[in-house]
C-alpha atoms as a PDB file:
ATOM      1  CA  MET A   1     111.493  84.404  83.872  1.00  0.00           C
ATOM      2  CA  LYS A   2     114.422  86.186  85.491  1.00  0.00           C
ATOM      3  CA  ASN A   3     115.915  84.859  88.706  1.00  0.00           C
ATOM      4  CA  PHE A   4     115.236  86.539  92.051  1.00  0.00           C
ATOM      5  CA  ASP A   5     118.773  87.398  93.224  1.00  0.00           C
ATOM      6  CA  ARG A   6     117.995  88.865  96.636  1.00  0.00           C
ATOM      7  CA  ASN A   7     121.518  90.124  97.334  1.00  0.00           C
ATOM      8  CA  ALA A   8     121.770  92.019  94.050  1.00  0.00           C
ATOM      9  CA  LEU A   9     118.264  93.455  94.498  1.00  0.00           C
ATOM     10  CA  ALA A  10     119.071  94.483  98.072  1.00  0.00           C
ATOM     11  CA  GLN A  11     122.143  96.374  96.868  1.00  0.00           C
ATOM     12  CA  VAL A  12     120.166  98.355  94.265  1.00  0.00           C
ATOM     13  CA  LEU A  13     117.448  99.116  96.820  1.00  0.00           C
ATOM     14  CA  ARG A  14     120.050 100.226  99.395  1.00  0.00           C
ATOM     15  CA  ASP A  15     121.869 102.435  96.891  1.00  0.00           C
ATOM     16  CA  GLY A  16     118.625 104.039  95.716  1.00  0.00           C
ATOM     17  CA  ILE A  17     117.505 104.791  99.272  1.00  0.00           C
ATOM     18  CA  ALA A  18     120.891 106.349 100.035  1.00  0.00           C
ATOM     19  CA  GLU A  19     120.778 108.441  96.847  1.00  0.00           C
ATOM     20  CA  MET A  20     117.322 109.788  97.764  1.00  0.00           C
ATOM     21  CA  GLN A  21     118.525 110.367 101.360  1.00  0.00           C
ATOM     22  CA  LEU A  22     115.580 108.492 102.837  1.00  0.00           C
ATOM     23  CA  GLU A  23     115.483 106.974 106.309  1.00  0.00           C
ATOM     24  CA  VAL A  24     114.570 103.337 105.794  1.00  0.00           C
ATOM     25  CA  SER A  25     115.861 100.932 108.431  1.00  0.00           C
ATOM     26  CA  PRO A  26     117.583  97.640 107.504  1.00  0.00           C
ATOM     27  CA  SER A  27     114.549  95.698 108.802  1.00  0.00           C
ATOM     28  CA  GLN A  28     112.211  97.822 106.656  1.00  0.00           C
ATOM     29  CA  GLN A  29     114.428  97.177 103.633  1.00  0.00           C
ATOM     30  CA  GLU A  30     114.121  93.445 104.337  1.00  0.00           C
ATOM     31  CA  GLN A  31     110.328  93.830 104.488  1.00  0.00           C
ATOM     32  CA  LEU A  32     110.346  95.610 101.124  1.00  0.00           C
ATOM     33  CA  LEU A  33     112.364  92.754  99.622  1.00  0.00           C
ATOM     34  CA  ASP A  34     109.950  90.219 101.153  1.00  0.00           C
ATOM     35  CA  TYR A  35     107.108  92.155  99.501  1.00  0.00           C
ATOM     36  CA  LEU A  36     108.957  92.132  96.181  1.00  0.00           C
ATOM     37  CA  ALA A  37     109.527  88.373  96.483  1.00  0.00           C
ATOM     38  CA  LEU A  38     105.796  87.859  97.036  1.00  0.00           C
ATOM     39  CA  MET A  39     104.930  90.052  94.066  1.00  0.00           C
ATOM     40  CA  PHE A  40     107.422  88.158  91.900  1.00  0.00           C
ATOM     41  CA  LYS A  41     105.949  84.820  93.009  1.00  0.00           C
ATOM     42  CA  TRP A  42     102.273  85.769  92.651  1.00  0.00           C
ATOM     43  CA  ASN A  43     102.746  87.713  89.436  1.00  0.00           C
ATOM     44  CA  SER A  44     102.937  84.622  87.228  1.00  0.00           C
ATOM     45  CA  VAL A  45      99.391  83.667  88.250  1.00  0.00           C
ATOM     46  CA  TYR A  46      97.754  86.972  89.199  1.00  0.00           C
ATOM     47  CA  ASN A  47      99.308  89.371  86.672  1.00  0.00           C
ATOM     48  CA  LEU A  48      99.897  92.099  89.273  1.00  0.00           C
ATOM     49  CA  THR A  49     102.370  93.950  87.079  1.00  0.00           C
ATOM     50  CA  SER A  50     103.513  93.797  83.466  1.00  0.00           C
ATOM     51  CA  LEU A  51     107.111  93.730  84.676  1.00  0.00           C
ATOM     52  CA  ARG A  52     108.713  90.308  84.928  1.00  0.00           C
ATOM     53  CA  ASP A  53     112.291  91.287  85.786  1.00  0.00           C
ATOM     54  CA  PRO A  54     112.804  91.675  89.574  1.00  0.00           C
ATOM     55  CA  MET A  55     115.513  94.302  88.997  1.00  0.00           C
ATOM     56  CA  GLN A  56     113.024  96.410  87.034  1.00  0.00           C
ATOM     57  CA  MET A  57     110.509  95.885  89.819  1.00  0.00           C
ATOM     58  CA  VAL A  58     112.978  97.414  92.306  1.00  0.00           C
ATOM     59  CA  THR A  59     113.393 100.601  90.275  1.00  0.00           C
ATOM     60  CA  HIS A  60     109.915 100.950  88.717  1.00  0.00           C
ATOM     61  CA  HIS A  61     107.960  99.885  91.816  1.00  0.00           C
ATOM     62  CA  LEU A  62     109.919 100.123  95.074  1.00  0.00           C
ATOM     63  CA  LEU A  63     112.186 103.110  94.384  1.00  0.00           C
ATOM     64  CA  ASP A  64     109.417 104.811  92.397  1.00  0.00           C
ATOM     65  CA  SER A  65     107.053 104.604  95.386  1.00  0.00           C
ATOM     66  CA  LEU A  66     109.781 105.414  97.919  1.00  0.00           C
ATOM     67  CA  ALA A  67     110.525 108.666  96.055  1.00  0.00           C
ATOM     68  CA  ALA A  68     107.025 109.848  96.996  1.00  0.00           C
ATOM     69  CA  VAL A  69     107.333 109.026 100.719  1.00  0.00           C
ATOM     70  CA  PRO A  70     108.549 112.495 101.871  1.00  0.00           C
ATOM     71  CA  ALA A  71     105.341 114.025 100.454  1.00  0.00           C
ATOM     72  CA  PHE A  72     103.358 112.052 103.072  1.00  0.00           C
ATOM     73  CA  ALA A  73     105.152 113.616 106.046  1.00  0.00           C
ATOM     74  CA  GLY A  74     102.521 114.504 108.647  1.00  0.00           C
ATOM     75  CA  ALA A  75      99.885 112.188 107.158  1.00  0.00           C
ATOM     76  CA  ASN A  76      98.225 109.849 109.663  1.00  0.00           C
ATOM     77  CA  ASN A  77      95.452 108.146 107.707  1.00  0.00           C
ATOM     78  CA  VAL A  78      95.978 107.420 103.996  1.00  0.00           C
ATOM     79  CA  LEU A  79      93.846 105.751 101.326  1.00  0.00           C
ATOM     80  CA  ASP A  80      95.441 104.239  98.214  1.00  0.00           C
ATOM     81  CA  VAL A  81      92.788 104.063  95.461  1.00  0.00           C
ATOM     82  CA  GLY A  82      93.105 101.423  92.746  1.00  0.00           C
ATOM     83  CA  ALA A  83      95.889  99.926  94.821  1.00  0.00           C
ATOM     84  CA  GLY A  84      96.549  97.003  92.447  1.00  0.00           C
ATOM     85  CA  GLY A  85      99.638  95.195  93.683  1.00  0.00           C
ATOM     86  CA  GLY A  86     100.072  97.647  96.564  1.00  0.00           C
ATOM     87  CA  LEU A  87     101.931 100.625  95.138  1.00  0.00           C
ATOM     88  CA  PRO A  88     102.450 102.987  96.840  1.00  0.00           C
ATOM     89  CA  GLY A  89     100.273 101.666  99.714  1.00  0.00           C
ATOM     90  CA  ILE A  90     102.392  98.713 100.885  1.00  0.00           C
ATOM     91  CA  VAL A  91     105.610 100.728 100.549  1.00  0.00           C
ATOM     92  CA  LEU A  92     104.115 103.558 102.634  1.00  0.00           C
ATOM     93  CA  ALA A  93     102.878 101.080 105.246  1.00  0.00           C
ATOM     94  CA  VAL A  94     106.329  99.488 105.590  1.00  0.00           C
ATOM     95  CA  VAL A  95     108.345 102.704 105.940  1.00  0.00           C
ATOM     96  CA  ARG A  96     105.696 104.555 107.987  1.00  0.00           C
ATOM     97  CA  PRO A  97     104.459 102.012 110.567  1.00  0.00           C
ATOM     98  CA  ASP A  98     102.978 104.934 112.541  1.00  0.00           C
ATOM     99  CA  MET A  99     100.561 105.714 109.688  1.00  0.00           C
ATOM    100  CA  LYS A 100      97.275 103.939 108.911  1.00  0.00           C
ATOM    101  CA  VAL A 101      97.186 102.835 105.273  1.00  0.00           C
ATOM    102  CA  SER A 102      93.988 101.623 103.602  1.00  0.00           C
ATOM    103  CA  MET A 103      94.026 100.145 100.099  1.00  0.00           C
ATOM    104  CA  ILE A 104      91.055  99.628  97.824  1.00  0.00           C
ATOM    105  CA  ASP A 105      90.685  97.823  94.513  1.00  0.00           C
ATOM    106  CA  THR A 106      87.779  96.261  92.628  1.00  0.00           C
ATOM    107  CA  VAL A 107      89.788  93.213  91.514  1.00  0.00           C
ATOM    108  CA  HIS A 108      89.514  90.421  94.067  1.00  0.00           C
ATOM    109  CA  LYS A 109      92.753  88.709  92.996  1.00  0.00           C
ATOM    110  CA  LYS A 110      94.673  91.903  93.752  1.00  0.00           C
ATOM    111  CA  THR A 111      93.098  92.460  97.163  1.00  0.00           C
ATOM    112  CA  ALA A 112      93.704  88.778  97.998  1.00  0.00           C
ATOM    113  CA  PHE A 113      97.383  89.403  97.257  1.00  0.00           C
ATOM    114  CA  LEU A 114      97.392  92.559  99.414  1.00  0.00           C
ATOM    115  CA  THR A 115      95.778  90.635 102.286  1.00  0.00           C
ATOM    116  CA  GLN A 116      98.483  87.969 101.955  1.00  0.00           C
ATOM    117  CA  VAL A 117     101.218  90.647 101.994  1.00  0.00           C
ATOM    118  CA  LYS A 118      99.667  92.217 105.100  1.00  0.00           C
ATOM    119  CA  ALA A 119      99.716  88.839 106.884  1.00  0.00           C
ATOM    120  CA  GLN A 120     103.211  87.756 105.844  1.00  0.00           C
ATOM    121  CA  LEU A 121     104.834  91.123 106.520  1.00  0.00           C
ATOM    122  CA  GLY A 122     102.903  91.612 109.769  1.00  0.00           C
ATOM    123  CA  LEU A 123     101.551  95.016 108.717  1.00  0.00           C
ATOM    124  CA  ALA A 124      99.111  95.844 111.533  1.00  0.00           C
ATOM    125  CA  ASN A 125      98.575  99.347 110.084  1.00  0.00           C
ATOM    126  CA  VAL A 126      97.032  98.090 106.799  1.00  0.00           C
ATOM    127  CA  SER A 127      93.353  97.696 105.820  1.00  0.00           C
ATOM    128  CA  VAL A 128      92.226  96.207 102.485  1.00  0.00           C
ATOM    129  CA  TYR A 129      88.874  96.756 100.750  1.00  0.00           C
ATOM    130  CA  THR A 130      87.464  94.991  97.681  1.00  0.00           C
ATOM    131  CA  MET A 131      84.931  97.372  96.112  1.00  0.00           C
ATOM    132  CA  LYS A 132      84.512 100.530  94.070  1.00  0.00           C
ATOM    133  CA  VAL A 133      85.829 103.570  95.904  1.00  0.00           C
ATOM    134  CA  GLN A 134      82.465 105.274  95.259  1.00  0.00           C
ATOM    135  CA  GLU A 135      80.843 102.654  97.519  1.00  0.00           C
ATOM    136  CA  LEU A 136      83.311 102.835 100.410  1.00  0.00           C
ATOM    137  CA  GLU A 137      82.058 104.390 103.656  1.00  0.00           C
ATOM    138  CA  VAL A 138      84.355 105.070 106.615  1.00  0.00           C
ATOM    139  CA  SER A 139      83.834 106.696 110.008  1.00  0.00           C
ATOM    140  CA  ASP A 140      87.356 108.124 110.092  1.00  0.00           C
ATOM    141  CA  LYS A 141      87.966 110.146 106.924  1.00  0.00           C
ATOM    142  CA  PHE A 142      91.388 110.240 105.271  1.00  0.00           C
ATOM    143  CA  ASP A 143      93.795 113.157 105.490  1.00  0.00           C
ATOM    144  CA  VAL A 144      95.509 112.017 102.274  1.00  0.00           C
ATOM    145  CA  ILE A 145      94.047 110.068  99.358  1.00  0.00           C
ATOM    146  CA  THR A 146      96.604 108.826  96.851  1.00  0.00           C
ATOM    147  CA  SER A 147      96.767 106.801  93.645  1.00  0.00           C
ATOM    148  CA  ARG A 148      99.410 105.677  91.216  1.00  0.00           C
ATOM    149  CA  ALA A 149      98.502 105.640  87.528  1.00  0.00           C
ATOM    150  CA  PHE A 150      94.884 105.040  88.526  1.00  0.00           C
ATOM    151  CA  ALA A 151      92.537 107.301  86.544  1.00  0.00           C
ATOM    152  CA  ASP A 152      91.982 110.765  85.144  1.00  0.00           C
ATOM    153  CA  LEU A 153      92.436 113.293  87.962  1.00  0.00           C
ATOM    154  CA  SER A 154      88.833 114.502  87.702  1.00  0.00           C
ATOM    155  CA  ASP A 155      87.464 110.942  88.062  1.00  0.00           C
ATOM    156  CA  PHE A 156      89.878 110.205  90.899  1.00  0.00           C
ATOM    157  CA  VAL A 157      88.649 113.251  92.833  1.00  0.00           C
ATOM    158  CA  GLU A 158      84.943 112.904  92.055  1.00  0.00           C
ATOM    159  CA  TRP A 159      84.799 109.209  92.967  1.00  0.00           C
ATOM    160  CA  SER A 160      86.517 109.589  96.334  1.00  0.00           C
ATOM    161  CA  ALA A 161      85.786 113.156  97.558  1.00  0.00           C
ATOM    162  CA  HIS A 162      83.283 111.822 100.134  1.00  0.00           C
ATOM    163  CA  LEU A 163      86.166 110.053 101.886  1.00  0.00           C
ATOM    164  CA  LEU A 164      88.519 113.047 102.263  1.00  0.00           C
ATOM    165  CA  ALA A 165      88.742 114.868 105.584  1.00  0.00           C
ATOM    166  CA  GLU A 166      87.877 118.563 105.580  1.00  0.00           C
ATOM    167  CA  GLN A 167      91.470 119.800 105.450  1.00  0.00           C
ATOM    168  CA  GLY A 168      92.683 116.746 103.531  1.00  0.00           C
ATOM    169  CA  ARG A 169      94.475 116.609 100.190  1.00  0.00           C
ATOM    170  CA  TYR A 170      95.106 114.385  97.239  1.00  0.00           C
ATOM    171  CA  ILE A 171      98.560 113.231  96.167  1.00  0.00           C
ATOM    172  CA  ALA A 172      98.464 111.580  92.735  1.00  0.00           C
ATOM    173  CA  LEU A 173     101.545 109.744  91.446  1.00  0.00           C
ATOM    174  CA  LYS A 174     101.776 110.395  87.718  1.00  0.00           C
ATOM    175  CA  GLY A 175     104.266 109.922  84.920  1.00  0.00           C
ATOM    176  CA  VAL A 176     104.078 113.166  82.967  1.00  0.00           C
ATOM    177  CA  ALA A 177     102.443 116.185  84.602  1.00  0.00           C
ATOM    178  CA  PRO A 178      99.012 116.056  82.949  1.00  0.00           C
ATOM    179  CA  GLU A 179      97.947 119.604  82.035  1.00  0.00           C
ATOM    180  CA  ASP A 180      94.750 118.481  80.244  1.00  0.00           C
ATOM    181  CA  GLU A 181      93.649 116.461  83.279  1.00  0.00           C
ATOM    182  CA  ARG A 182      94.234 119.450  85.533  1.00  0.00           C
ATOM    183  CA  GLN A 183      91.953 121.553  83.330  1.00  0.00           C
ATOM    184  CA  ARG A 184      89.140 119.016  83.730  1.00  0.00           C
ATOM    185  CA  LEU A 185      89.089 119.112  87.537  1.00  0.00           C
ATOM    186  CA  PRO A 186      85.733 120.138  89.041  1.00  0.00           C
ATOM    187  CA  ALA A 187      85.566 123.834  89.959  1.00  0.00           C
ATOM    188  CA  GLU A 188      85.800 123.238  93.705  1.00  0.00           C
ATOM    189  CA  TRP A 189      89.201 121.542  93.370  1.00  0.00           C
ATOM    190  CA  LYS A 190      92.565 122.976  92.405  1.00  0.00           C
ATOM    191  CA  VAL A 191      96.078 121.706  91.815  1.00  0.00           C
ATOM    192  CA  THR A 192      98.228 123.356  94.450  1.00  0.00           C
ATOM    193  CA  LYS A 193     101.563 121.930  93.315  1.00  0.00           C
ATOM    194  CA  VAL A 194     103.157 119.651  90.737  1.00  0.00           C
ATOM    195  CA  GLU A 195     106.430 118.215  91.986  1.00  0.00           C
ATOM    196  CA  PRO A 196     108.887 116.375  89.719  1.00  0.00           C
ATOM    197  CA  LEU A 197     110.452 113.266  91.266  1.00  0.00           C
ATOM    198  CA  GLN A 198     113.951 111.969  90.676  1.00  0.00           C
ATOM    199  CA  VAL A 199     113.920 108.184  90.862  1.00  0.00           C
ATOM    200  CA  PRO A 200     117.378 106.530  90.810  1.00  0.00           C
ATOM    201  CA  ARG A 201     118.037 104.350  87.742  1.00  0.00           C
ATOM    202  CA  LEU A 202     114.626 105.190  86.280  1.00  0.00           C
ATOM    203  CA  GLY A 203     114.951 107.000  82.956  1.00  0.00           C
ATOM    204  CA  ALA A 204     111.372 108.287  82.884  1.00  0.00           C
ATOM    205  CA  GLU A 205     109.375 111.289  84.051  1.00  0.00           C
ATOM    206  CA  ARG A 206     107.631 111.066  87.417  1.00  0.00           C
ATOM    207  CA  HIS A 207     105.515 113.742  89.082  1.00  0.00           C
ATOM    208  CA  LEU A 208     103.418 114.195  92.188  1.00  0.00           C
ATOM    209  CA  VAL A 209     100.211 116.175  91.702  1.00  0.00           C
ATOM    210  CA  PHE A 210      98.804 117.792  94.857  1.00  0.00           C
ATOM    211  CA  ILE A 211      95.093 118.693  94.832  1.00  0.00           C
ATOM    212  CA  GLN A 212      93.024 120.439  97.491  1.00  0.00           C
ATOM    213  CA  ARG A 213      89.503 121.756  97.883  1.00  0.00           C
ATOM    214  CA  VAL A 214      89.139 125.455  97.091  1.00  0.00           C
ATOM    215  CA  THR A 215      88.120 127.285 100.246  1.00  0.00           C
ATOM    216  CA  SER A 216      85.773 130.218  99.710  1.00  0.00           C
END
């Protein structure tokens, strides 16, 4: 297992944030590194991510999720479906303390980890659910529902549509822009935009897929 060199990781995180011209305060950067340290520690037992190198975790997890943050401007109440180890949910919660972030996953080990992260990072704006998204009921519907490498777009939308506010939208974090998945969307949904992301030091395609309900 690679060593967790916090100073080196902090430098890569700082450089990436500067390159993407994001506003992330020094204290928020420290929180992100605390989160990474927890993921690194828990990963050996809980298998939260296939990555074992902390430096790869910075680029493939933290910077990857941070690249999507500007797309959530104006969002107040967000649900991260199939949250796993907390990407992008925990990252969003750290850099947008004004925003409510709920995370849901069926795997109890993963939600136990998320609950631990919430406690240790003092994230008062986070809620964690252990269940299928189809079974979740909330009184305050979400203005954005997001996922990262979770499921086919049509499944993602169908399983969680009951949780989306009337004028809400989906933001799916994907690798390649999936044309076949877009074709399979139910008729009442449409892809309004596909936005390529540039993630520093990550030599792979990343896209955001925006989906909204078709208004008649």
